[in-house]
């Protein structure tokens, strides 16, 4: 995540226990299966900031890209 020149590292996880990392940050992908009905499907994503980072007080933001594949 960034705020101007300030950067915070983080990971995204597929489980609430935060023990399965979603992807590796280098273009590899982890998949999350599930089924939906109609046009709605909710999948929880969990995040964690590693301790020990030099945090400058600010509002931080980042974007994640999700690809959704539909199979019939």
PDB file of N, CA and C in Angstrom:
ATOM      1  N   UNK A   1       0.849  -1.162   0.000  1.00  0.00           N
ATOM      2  CA  UNK A   1       0.000   0.000   0.000  1.00  0.00           C
ATOM      3  C   UNK A   1       0.893   1.224   0.000  1.00  0.00           C
ATOM      4  N   UNK A   2       0.419   2.263  -0.617  1.00  0.00           N
ATOM      5  CA  UNK A   2       1.228   3.471  -0.704  1.00  0.00           C
ATOM      6  C   UNK A   2       0.450   4.706  -0.257  1.00  0.00           C
ATOM      7  N   UNK A   3       1.235   5.664   0.186  1.00  0.00           N
ATOM      8  CA  UNK A   3       0.752   7.013   0.467  1.00  0.00           C
ATOM      9  C   UNK A   3       1.878   7.936   0.053  1.00  0.00           C
ATOM     10  N   UNK A   4       1.788   8.465  -1.165  1.00  0.00           N
ATOM     11  CA  UNK A   4       2.896   9.249  -1.695  1.00  0.00           C
ATOM     12  C   UNK A   4       4.128   8.379  -1.816  1.00  0.00           C
ATOM     13  N   UNK A   5       5.227   8.784  -1.161  1.00  0.00           N
ATOM     14  CA  UNK A   5       6.474   8.014  -1.216  1.00  0.00           C
ATOM     15  C   UNK A   5       6.527   6.923  -0.150  1.00  0.00           C
ATOM     16  N   UNK A   6       5.534   6.853   0.724  1.00  0.00           N
ATOM     17  CA  UNK A   6       5.528   5.871   1.812  1.00  0.00           C
ATOM     18  C   UNK A   6       4.876   4.575   1.348  1.00  0.00           C
ATOM     19  N   UNK A   7       5.468   3.452   1.746  1.00  0.00           N
ATOM     20  CA  UNK A   7       4.994   2.136   1.316  1.00  0.00           C
ATOM     21  C   UNK A   7       4.846   1.219   2.528  1.00  0.00           C
ATOM     22  N   UNK A   8       3.741   0.479   2.578  1.00  0.00           N
ATOM     23  CA  UNK A   8       3.532  -0.553   3.587  1.00  0.00           C
ATOM     24  C   UNK A   8       3.371  -1.898   2.882  1.00  0.00           C
ATOM     25  N   UNK A   9       4.087  -2.898   3.345  1.00  0.00           N
ATOM     26  CA  UNK A   9       3.942  -4.248   2.810  1.00  0.00           C
ATOM     27  C   UNK A   9       2.729  -4.913   3.442  1.00  0.00           C
ATOM     28  N   UNK A  10       2.112  -5.827   2.699  1.00  0.00           N
ATOM     29  CA  UNK A  10       0.981  -6.579   3.224  1.00  0.00           C
ATOM     30  C   UNK A  10       0.815  -7.857   2.428  1.00  0.00           C
ATOM     31  N   UNK A  11       0.027  -8.779   2.961  1.00  0.00           N
ATOM     32  CA  UNK A  11      -0.346  -9.993   2.244  1.00  0.00           C
ATOM     33  C   UNK A  11      -1.852 -10.123   2.250  1.00  0.00           C
ATOM     34  N   UNK A  12      -2.380 -10.776   1.239  1.00  0.00           N
ATOM     35  CA  UNK A  12      -3.794 -11.129   1.183  1.00  0.00           C
ATOM     36  C   UNK A  12      -3.903 -12.629   1.394  1.00  0.00           C
ATOM     37  N   UNK A  13      -4.963 -13.041   2.081  1.00  0.00           N
ATOM     38  CA  UNK A  13      -5.140 -14.447   2.453  1.00  0.00           C
ATOM     39  C   UNK A  13      -6.536 -14.926   2.061  1.00  0.00           C
ATOM     40  N   UNK A  14      -6.651 -16.226   1.853  1.00  0.00           N
ATOM     41  CA  UNK A  14      -7.944 -16.819   1.487  1.00  0.00           C
ATOM     42  C   UNK A  14      -8.683 -17.377   2.693  1.00  0.00           C
ATOM     43  N   UNK A  15      -8.063 -17.364   3.872  1.00  0.00           N
ATOM     44  CA  UNK A  15      -8.703 -17.903   5.074  1.00  0.00           C
ATOM     45  C   UNK A  15      -8.670 -16.868   6.197  1.00  0.00           C
ATOM     46  N   UNK A  16      -9.676 -16.930   7.078  1.00  0.00           N
ATOM     47  CA  UNK A  16      -9.738 -16.010   8.214  1.00  0.00           C
ATOM     48  C   UNK A  16      -8.556 -16.211   9.156  1.00  0.00           C
ATOM     49  N   UNK A  17      -8.003 -17.423   9.200  1.00  0.00           N
ATOM     50  CA  UNK A  17      -6.830 -17.698  10.041  1.00  0.00           C
ATOM     51  C   UNK A  17      -5.561 -17.088   9.453  1.00  0.00           C
ATOM     52  N   UNK A  18      -5.662 -16.577   8.247  1.00  0.00           N
ATOM     53  CA  UNK A  18      -4.540 -15.965   7.535  1.00  0.00           C
ATOM     54  C   UNK A  18      -3.340 -16.909   7.439  1.00  0.00           C
ATOM     55  N   UNK A  19      -3.619 -18.146   7.037  1.00  0.00           N
ATOM     56  CA  UNK A  19      -2.547 -19.126   6.890  1.00  0.00           C
ATOM     57  C   UNK A  19      -2.396 -19.629   5.455  1.00  0.00           C
ATOM     58  N   UNK A  20      -3.203 -19.124   4.525  1.00  0.00           N
ATOM     59  CA  UNK A  20      -3.067 -19.474   3.104  1.00  0.00           C
ATOM     60  C   UNK A  20      -2.967 -18.169   2.319  1.00  0.00           C
ATOM     61  N   UNK A  21      -1.754 -17.858   1.838  1.00  0.00           N
ATOM     62  CA  UNK A  21      -1.532 -16.618   1.091  1.00  0.00           C
ATOM     63  C   UNK A  21      -2.195 -16.713  -0.268  1.00  0.00           C
ATOM     64  N   UNK A  22      -2.856 -15.650  -0.685  1.00  0.00           N
ATOM     65  CA  UNK A  22      -3.512 -15.597  -1.985  1.00  0.00           C
ATOM     66  C   UNK A  22      -2.511 -15.017  -2.974  1.00  0.00           C
ATOM     67  N   UNK A  23      -1.905 -15.866  -3.790  1.00  0.00           N
ATOM     68  CA  UNK A  23      -0.881 -15.437  -4.738  1.00  0.00           C
ATOM     69  C   UNK A  23       0.442 -15.203  -4.032  1.00  0.00           C
ATOM     70  N   UNK A  24       1.476 -14.847  -4.782  1.00  0.00           N
ATOM     71  CA  UNK A  24       2.793 -14.625  -4.176  1.00  0.00           C
ATOM     72  C   UNK A  24       3.358 -13.248  -4.501  1.00  0.00           C
ATOM     73  N   UNK A  25       2.573 -12.366  -5.079  1.00  0.00           N
ATOM     74  CA  UNK A  25       3.046 -11.025  -5.387  1.00  0.00           C
ATOM     75  C   UNK A  25       3.921 -10.940  -6.617  1.00  0.00           C
ATOM     76  N   UNK A  26       4.143 -12.060  -7.299  1.00  0.00           N
ATOM     77  CA  UNK A  26       5.009 -12.060  -8.475  1.00  0.00           C
ATOM     78  C   UNK A  26       4.268 -12.539  -9.712  1.00  0.00           C
ATOM     79  N   UNK A  27       2.965 -12.385  -9.722  1.00  0.00           N
ATOM     80  CA  UNK A  27       2.202 -12.774 -10.889  1.00  0.00           C
ATOM     81  C   UNK A  27       1.597 -14.158 -10.801  1.00  0.00           C
ATOM     82  N   UNK A  28       2.001 -14.961  -9.828  1.00  0.00           N
ATOM     83  CA  UNK A  28       1.390 -16.287  -9.674  1.00  0.00           C
ATOM     84  C   UNK A  28      -0.003 -16.106  -9.090  1.00  0.00           C
ATOM     85  N   UNK A  29      -0.856 -17.073  -9.304  1.00  0.00           N
ATOM     86  CA  UNK A  29      -2.228 -16.933  -8.841  1.00  0.00           C
ATOM     87  C   UNK A  29      -2.627 -18.111  -7.973  1.00  0.00           C
ATOM     88  N   UNK A  30      -3.390 -17.820  -6.963  1.00  0.00           N
ATOM     89  CA  UNK A  30      -4.041 -18.862  -6.176  1.00  0.00           C
ATOM     90  C   UNK A  30      -5.521 -18.758  -6.507  1.00  0.00           C
ATOM     91  N   UNK A  31      -6.210 -19.862  -6.534  1.00  0.00           N
ATOM     92  CA  UNK A  31      -7.623 -19.827  -6.881  1.00  0.00           C
ATOM     93  C   UNK A  31      -8.482 -20.042  -5.655  1.00  0.00           C
ATOM     94  N   UNK A  32      -9.667 -19.497  -5.709  1.00  0.00           N
ATOM     95  CA  UNK A  32     -10.669 -19.680  -4.664  1.00  0.00           C
ATOM     96  C   UNK A  32     -11.915 -20.170  -5.362  1.00  0.00           C
ATOM     97  N   UNK A  33     -12.323 -21.385  -5.044  1.00  0.00           N
ATOM     98  CA  UNK A  33     -13.491 -21.955  -5.692  1.00  0.00           C
ATOM     99  C   UNK A  33     -14.768 -21.565  -4.990  1.00  0.00           C
ATOM    100  N   UNK A  34     -15.861 -21.784  -5.659  1.00  0.00           N
ATOM    101  CA  UNK A  34     -17.156 -21.516  -5.070  1.00  0.00           C
ATOM    102  C   UNK A  34     -18.216 -21.492  -6.128  1.00  0.00           C
ATOM    103  N   UNK A  35     -19.427 -21.369  -5.689  1.00  0.00           N
ATOM    104  CA  UNK A  35     -20.539 -21.262  -6.625  1.00  0.00           C
ATOM    105  C   UNK A  35     -21.388 -20.068  -6.242  1.00  0.00           C
ATOM    106  N   UNK A  36     -22.008 -19.502  -7.212  1.00  0.00           N
ATOM    107  CA  UNK A  36     -22.895 -18.366  -6.981  1.00  0.00           C
ATOM    108  C   UNK A  36     -24.205 -18.617  -7.684  1.00  0.00           C
ATOM    109  N   UNK A  37     -25.136 -17.746  -7.431  1.00  0.00           N
ATOM    110  CA  UNK A  37     -26.415 -17.838  -8.132  1.00  0.00           C
ATOM    111  C   UNK A  37     -26.753 -16.460  -8.673  1.00  0.00           C
ATOM    112  N   UNK A  38     -27.271 -16.440  -9.857  1.00  0.00           N
ATOM    113  CA  UNK A  38     -27.558 -15.147 -10.472  1.00  0.00           C
ATOM    114  C   UNK A  38     -26.281 -14.406 -10.768  1.00  0.00           C
ATOM    115  N   UNK A  39     -26.212 -13.146 -10.376  1.00  0.00           N
ATOM    116  CA  UNK A  39     -25.033 -12.346 -10.685  1.00  0.00           C
ATOM    117  C   UNK A  39     -24.205 -12.023  -9.450  1.00  0.00           C
ATOM    118  N   UNK A  40     -24.487 -12.677  -8.310  1.00  0.00           N
ATOM    119  CA  UNK A  40     -23.795 -12.339  -7.076  1.00  0.00           C
ATOM    120  C   UNK A  40     -23.058 -13.535  -6.504  1.00  0.00           C
ATOM    121  N   UNK A  41     -21.804 -13.310  -6.135  1.00  0.00           N
ATOM    122  CA  UNK A  41     -21.019 -14.303  -5.404  1.00  0.00           C
ATOM    123  C   UNK A  41     -20.056 -13.543  -4.521  1.00  0.00           C
ATOM    124  N   UNK A  42     -20.123 -13.771  -3.239  1.00  0.00           N
ATOM    125  CA  UNK A  42     -19.235 -13.088  -2.294  1.00  0.00           C
ATOM    126  C   UNK A  42     -18.111 -14.014  -1.883  1.00  0.00           C
ATOM    127  N   UNK A  43     -16.887 -13.509  -1.916  1.00  0.00           N
ATOM    128  CA  UNK A  43     -15.718 -14.243  -1.442  1.00  0.00           C
ATOM    129  C   UNK A  43     -14.952 -13.302  -0.526  1.00  0.00           C
ATOM    130  N   UNK A  44     -14.724 -13.741   0.688  1.00  0.00           N
ATOM    131  CA  UNK A  44     -13.986 -12.923   1.650  1.00  0.00           C
ATOM    132  C   UNK A  44     -12.497 -12.957   1.338  1.00  0.00           C
ATOM    133  N   UNK A  45     -11.867 -11.822   1.494  1.00  0.00           N
ATOM    134  CA  UNK A  45     -10.420 -11.695   1.353  1.00  0.00           C
ATOM    135  C   UNK A  45      -9.917 -11.076   2.651  1.00  0.00           C
ATOM    136  N   UNK A  46      -8.866 -11.650   3.207  1.00  0.00           N
ATOM    137  CA  UNK A  46      -8.334 -11.186   4.483  1.00  0.00           C
ATOM    138  C   UNK A  46      -6.940 -10.621   4.263  1.00  0.00           C
ATOM    139  N   UNK A  47      -6.589  -9.603   5.009  1.00  0.00           N
ATOM    140  CA  UNK A  47      -5.278  -8.977   4.857  1.00  0.00           C
ATOM    141  C   UNK A  47      -4.533  -8.895   6.172  1.00  0.00           C
ATOM    142  N   UNK A  48      -3.222  -8.764   6.061  1.00  0.00           N
ATOM    143  CA  UNK A  48      -2.396  -8.574   7.252  1.00  0.00           C
ATOM    144  C   UNK A  48      -1.178  -7.745   6.885  1.00  0.00           C
ATOM    145  N   UNK A  49      -0.892  -6.759   7.720  1.00  0.00           N
ATOM    146  CA  UNK A  49       0.320  -5.954   7.602  1.00  0.00           C
ATOM    147  C   UNK A  49       1.375  -6.554   8.528  1.00  0.00           C
ATOM    148  N   UNK A  50       2.557  -6.912   8.027  1.00  0.00           N
ATOM    149  CA  UNK A  50       3.598  -7.435   8.906  1.00  0.00           C
ATOM    150  C   UNK A  50       4.020  -6.383   9.943  1.00  0.00           C
ATOM    151  N   UNK A  51       4.320  -6.839  11.140  1.00  0.00           N
ATOM    152  CA  UNK A  51       4.782  -5.952  12.208  1.00  0.00           C
ATOM    153  C   UNK A  51       6.166  -5.410  11.891  1.00  0.00           C
ATOM    154  N   UNK A  52       6.524  -4.335  12.568  1.00  0.00           N
ATOM    155  CA  UNK A  52       7.882  -3.806  12.464  1.00  0.00           C
ATOM    156  C   UNK A  52       8.118  -2.846  11.317  1.00  0.00           C
ATOM    157  N   UNK A  53       7.059  -2.424  10.632  1.00  0.00           N
ATOM    158  CA  UNK A  53       7.231  -1.477   9.537  1.00  0.00           C
ATOM    159  C   UNK A  53       7.266  -0.054  10.097  1.00  0.00           C
ATOM    160  N   UNK A  54       8.046   0.802   9.476  1.00  0.00           N
ATOM    161  CA  UNK A  54       8.131   2.194   9.875  1.00  0.00           C
ATOM    162  C   UNK A  54       6.955   2.939   9.240  1.00  0.00           C
ATOM    163  N   UNK A  55       5.880   3.072  10.007  1.00  0.00           N
ATOM    164  CA  UNK A  55       4.630   3.614   9.462  1.00  0.00           C
ATOM    165  C   UNK A  55       4.572   5.119   9.643  1.00  0.00           C
ATOM    166  N   UNK A  56       4.430   5.823   8.547  1.00  0.00           N
ATOM    167  CA  UNK A  56       4.205   7.262   8.571  1.00  0.00           C
ATOM    168  C   UNK A  56       2.699   7.490   8.631  1.00  0.00           C
ATOM    169  N   UNK A  57       2.213   8.324   9.555  1.00  0.00           N
ATOM    170  CA  UNK A  57       0.762   8.566   9.634  1.00  0.00           C
ATOM    171  C   UNK A  57       0.234   9.151   8.320  1.00  0.00           C
ATOM    172  N   UNK A  58      -0.687   8.461   7.705  1.00  0.00           N
ATOM    173  CA  UNK A  58      -1.257   8.904   6.432  1.00  0.00           C
ATOM    174  C   UNK A  58      -2.381   7.950   6.063  1.00  0.00           C
ATOM    175  N   UNK A  59      -3.073   8.257   4.996  1.00  0.00           N
ATOM    176  CA  UNK A  59      -4.060   7.346   4.415  1.00  0.00           C
ATOM    177  C   UNK A  59      -3.370   6.563   3.311  1.00  0.00           C
ATOM    178  N   UNK A  60      -3.405   5.238   3.408  1.00  0.00           N
ATOM    179  CA  UNK A  60      -2.744   4.372   2.442  1.00  0.00           C
ATOM    180  C   UNK A  60      -3.792   3.703   1.558  1.00  0.00           C
ATOM    181  N   UNK A  61      -3.434   3.436   0.307  1.00  0.00           N
ATOM    182  CA  UNK A  61      -4.358   2.795  -0.625  1.00  0.00           C
ATOM    183  C   UNK A  61      -3.587   1.876  -1.564  1.00  0.00           C
ATOM    184  N   UNK A  62      -4.310   0.920  -2.113  1.00  0.00           N
ATOM    185  CA  UNK A  62      -3.756   0.028  -3.127  1.00  0.00           C
ATOM    186  C   UNK A  62      -4.926  -0.517  -3.933  1.00  0.00           C
ATOM    187  N   UNK A  63      -4.629  -1.116  -5.047  1.00  0.00           N
ATOM    188  CA  UNK A  63      -5.648  -1.755  -5.876  1.00  0.00           C
ATOM    189  C   UNK A  63      -5.256  -3.203  -6.092  1.00  0.00           C
ATOM    190  N   UNK A  64      -6.246  -4.077  -6.080  1.00  0.00           N
ATOM    191  CA  UNK A  64      -6.003  -5.463  -6.445  1.00  0.00           C
ATOM    192  C   UNK A  64      -6.865  -5.775  -7.652  1.00  0.00           C
ATOM    193  N   UNK A  65      -6.354  -6.636  -8.503  1.00  0.00           N
ATOM    194  CA  UNK A  65      -7.078  -7.025  -9.712  1.00  0.00           C
ATOM    195  C   UNK A  65      -7.519  -8.475  -9.549  1.00  0.00           C
ATOM    196  N   UNK A  66      -8.790  -8.719  -9.781  1.00  0.00           N
ATOM    197  CA  UNK A  66      -9.348 -10.069  -9.660  1.00  0.00           C
ATOM    198  C   UNK A  66      -9.887 -10.472 -11.019  1.00  0.00           C
ATOM    199  N   UNK A  67      -9.497 -11.658 -11.454  1.00  0.00           N
ATOM    200  CA  UNK A  67     -10.036 -12.209 -12.705  1.00  0.00           C
ATOM    201  C   UNK A  67     -11.053 -13.278 -12.354  1.00  0.00           C
ATOM    202  N   UNK A  68     -12.212 -13.169 -12.945  1.00  0.00           N
ATOM    203  CA  UNK A  68     -13.292 -14.127 -12.690  1.00  0.00           C
ATOM    204  C   UNK A  68     -13.526 -14.926 -13.956  1.00  0.00           C
ATOM    205  N   UNK A  69     -13.428 -16.250 -13.832  1.00  0.00           N
ATOM    206  CA  UNK A  69     -13.697 -17.153 -14.951  1.00  0.00           C
ATOM    207  C   UNK A  69     -14.991 -17.904 -14.654  1.00  0.00           C
ATOM    208  N   UNK A  70     -15.859 -17.973 -15.646  1.00  0.00           N
ATOM    209  CA  UNK A  70     -17.119 -18.691 -15.504  1.00  0.00           C
ATOM    210  C   UNK A  70     -17.067 -19.937 -16.371  1.00  0.00           C
ATOM    211  N   UNK A  71     -17.422 -21.060 -15.799  1.00  0.00           N
ATOM    212  CA  UNK A  71     -17.525 -22.307 -16.537  1.00  0.00           C
ATOM    213  C   UNK A  71     -18.950 -22.805 -16.442  1.00  0.00           C
ATOM    214  N   UNK A  72     -19.408 -23.355 -17.492  1.00  0.00           N
ATOM    215  CA  UNK A  72     -20.778 -23.874 -17.518  1.00  0.00           C
ATOM    216  C   UNK A  72     -20.785 -25.361 -17.463  1.00  0.00           C
TER     217      UNK A  72
END
